[in-house]
Amino acid sequence: MAVPKTILLLSSPNPGASRLKATLRRLALDFELDFKSLEQIEDVDFEKYSLVMLDAIQPGKFYLDQCNQIKQNCGQKVPVVMLGQDDSLKTMVDAYKNGADYYIPWNETGEEVQISTMKHIIQRVASQFGKVSA
């Protein structure tokens, strides 16, 4: 039996989270979507997901710690993509140092480019980890 390809979106309750959910649905990827709040992180079985997306509104120590914890729980088995509003090089490097496999700047400008990039990265990361063919 094939394992369903499921993306987990971990997010804080915020207005941007619904926008991100709608965007992910619009991508029409061959994935199921599962949404959980960061408060539920302790109860998540990460290995059942093909990809984890961490919605970090303002990337900082809290979100970096969450990313680190996710990678400790699932190791290299499940790729983690961090989304954040900060597009500085320092933030991106910090995300990678704390376990993110990719970092996608997510802000109000260039939304179509971001959506296209997000779709490409999701497919690429999933295929690299042997979960789906791109």
Protein backbone atom coordinates (compact mmCIF):
# COMPACT_ATOMS: atom_id res chain seq x y z
CA MET A 1 0.00 0.00 0.00
CA ALA A 2 1.41 3.39 -0.96
CA VAL A 3 1.99 5.89 1.80
CA PRO A 4 -0.02 9.06 1.17
CA LYS A 5 2.08 12.12 0.48
CA THR A 6 1.17 14.62 3.15
CA ILE A 7 2.52 18.09 3.90
CA LEU A 8 2.29 19.24 7.50
CA LEU A 9 2.00 22.99 7.96
CA LEU A 10 2.96 24.06 11.48
CA SER A 11 1.85 27.58 12.23
CA SER A 12 0.97 29.96 15.03
CA PRO A 13 -2.62 31.15 15.03
CA ASN A 14 -2.37 34.33 12.94
CA PRO A 15 -4.05 35.94 9.93
CA GLY A 16 -1.15 35.03 7.65
CA ALA A 17 -1.66 31.33 8.36
CA SER A 18 -5.01 31.27 6.55
CA ARG A 19 -3.42 33.04 3.57
CA LEU A 20 -0.67 30.42 3.51
CA LYS A 21 -3.20 27.57 3.76
CA ALA A 22 -5.14 29.01 0.83
CA THR A 23 -1.92 29.38 -1.18
CA LEU A 24 -0.90 25.78 -0.52
CA ARG A 25 -4.31 24.58 -1.64
CA ARG A 26 -4.00 26.71 -4.80
CA LEU A 27 -0.74 25.02 -5.73
CA ALA A 28 -2.72 21.89 -6.58
CA LEU A 29 0.14 19.59 -5.65
CA ASP A 30 -0.36 15.86 -5.41
CA PHE A 31 -0.26 16.05 -1.62
CA GLU A 32 -2.73 15.98 1.21
CA LEU A 33 -2.44 18.95 3.56
CA ASP A 34 -2.49 18.71 7.33
CA PHE A 35 -2.49 21.82 9.51
CA LYS A 36 -1.43 21.95 13.14
CA SER A 37 -0.71 24.74 15.53
CA LEU A 38 2.78 25.07 17.02
CA GLU A 39 1.18 24.38 20.40
CA GLN A 40 0.54 20.80 19.17
CA ILE A 41 4.17 20.13 18.22
CA GLU A 42 4.75 17.71 21.11
CA ASP A 43 2.01 15.37 19.82
CA VAL A 44 3.10 15.22 16.18
CA ASP A 45 4.34 11.99 14.60
CA PHE A 46 6.64 13.65 12.06
CA GLU A 47 7.55 10.43 10.26
CA LYS A 48 4.07 10.11 8.76
CA TYR A 49 4.62 13.29 6.72
CA SER A 50 6.41 13.72 3.41
CA LEU A 51 7.31 17.32 4.17
CA VAL A 52 7.02 19.72 7.12
CA MET A 53 6.50 23.43 6.50
CA LEU A 54 7.19 25.69 9.46
CA ASP A 55 5.43 29.04 9.13
CA ALA A 56 7.74 31.42 10.99
CA ILE A 57 6.08 34.83 10.79
CA GLN A 58 9.04 36.71 12.20
CA PRO A 59 11.92 34.22 12.29
CA GLY A 60 13.70 34.42 15.60
CA LYS A 61 14.94 32.20 18.40
CA PHE A 62 11.51 30.64 19.08
CA TYR A 63 11.05 29.47 15.47
CA LEU A 64 14.67 28.40 15.13
CA ASP A 65 14.29 26.30 18.29
CA GLN A 66 11.09 24.77 16.86
CA CYS A 67 12.89 23.92 13.62
CA ASN A 68 15.75 22.35 15.56
CA GLN A 69 13.28 20.29 17.63
CA ILE A 70 11.48 19.07 14.50
CA LYS A 71 14.76 17.93 12.92
CA GLN A 72 15.77 16.17 16.14
CA ASN A 73 12.44 14.33 16.14
CA CYS A 74 12.48 13.27 12.48
CA GLY A 75 16.16 13.44 11.56
CA GLN A 76 16.88 13.46 7.85
CA LYS A 77 13.81 11.36 7.06
CA VAL A 78 11.48 14.32 6.60
CA PRO A 79 12.51 17.59 4.95
CA VAL A 80 11.64 20.85 6.71
CA VAL A 81 10.88 24.04 4.80
CA MET A 82 10.78 27.23 6.87
CA LEU A 83 8.72 30.18 5.63
CA GLY A 84 9.40 33.64 7.04
CA GLN A 85 8.86 37.31 6.35
CA ASP A 86 12.54 38.16 6.71
CA ASP A 87 14.58 37.78 3.54
CA SER A 88 17.96 38.67 5.06
CA LEU A 89 20.93 36.39 4.48
CA LYS A 90 21.50 36.08 8.25
CA THR A 91 17.97 34.75 8.79
CA MET A 92 18.37 32.24 5.99
CA VAL A 93 21.73 31.02 7.33
CA ASP A 94 20.25 30.75 10.86
CA ALA A 95 17.36 28.68 9.47
CA TYR A 96 19.77 26.28 7.73
CA LYS A 97 21.97 26.04 10.84
CA ASN A 98 18.90 25.03 12.86
CA GLY A 99 17.83 22.22 10.57
CA ALA A 100 15.78 23.81 7.79
CA ASP A 101 16.34 22.12 4.45
CA TYR A 102 15.04 25.23 2.66
CA TYR A 103 14.03 28.74 3.68
CA ILE A 104 11.42 30.63 1.64
CA PRO A 105 10.95 34.37 2.22
CA TRP A 106 7.20 34.92 2.48
CA ASN A 107 6.10 38.54 2.33
CA GLU A 108 3.59 40.77 0.59
CA THR A 109 5.60 41.49 -2.57
CA GLY A 110 6.07 39.22 -5.54
CA GLU A 111 3.45 36.71 -4.41
CA GLU A 112 3.27 34.87 -7.74
CA VAL A 113 7.05 34.40 -7.78
CA GLN A 114 6.91 33.13 -4.22
CA ILE A 115 4.10 30.72 -5.05
CA SER A 116 5.98 29.37 -8.05
CA THR A 117 9.17 29.05 -5.97
CA MET A 118 7.28 27.31 -3.18
CA LYS A 119 5.79 24.77 -5.58
CA HIS A 120 9.20 24.07 -7.12
CA ILE A 121 10.90 23.70 -3.74
CA ILE A 122 8.18 21.43 -2.35
CA GLN A 123 8.47 19.12 -5.34
CA ARG A 124 12.26 19.19 -5.34
CA VAL A 125 12.65 18.56 -1.61
CA ALA A 126 10.11 15.76 -1.67
CA SER A 127 11.84 14.08 -4.62
CA GLN A 128 15.29 14.42 -3.00
CA PHE A 129 14.00 12.60 0.04
CA GLY A 130 12.50 9.86 -2.11
CA LYS A 131 8.91 10.68 -1.24
CA VAL A 132 7.52 11.68 -4.65
CA SER A 133 8.76 12.14 -8.18
CA ALA A 134 8.91 15.77 -9.32
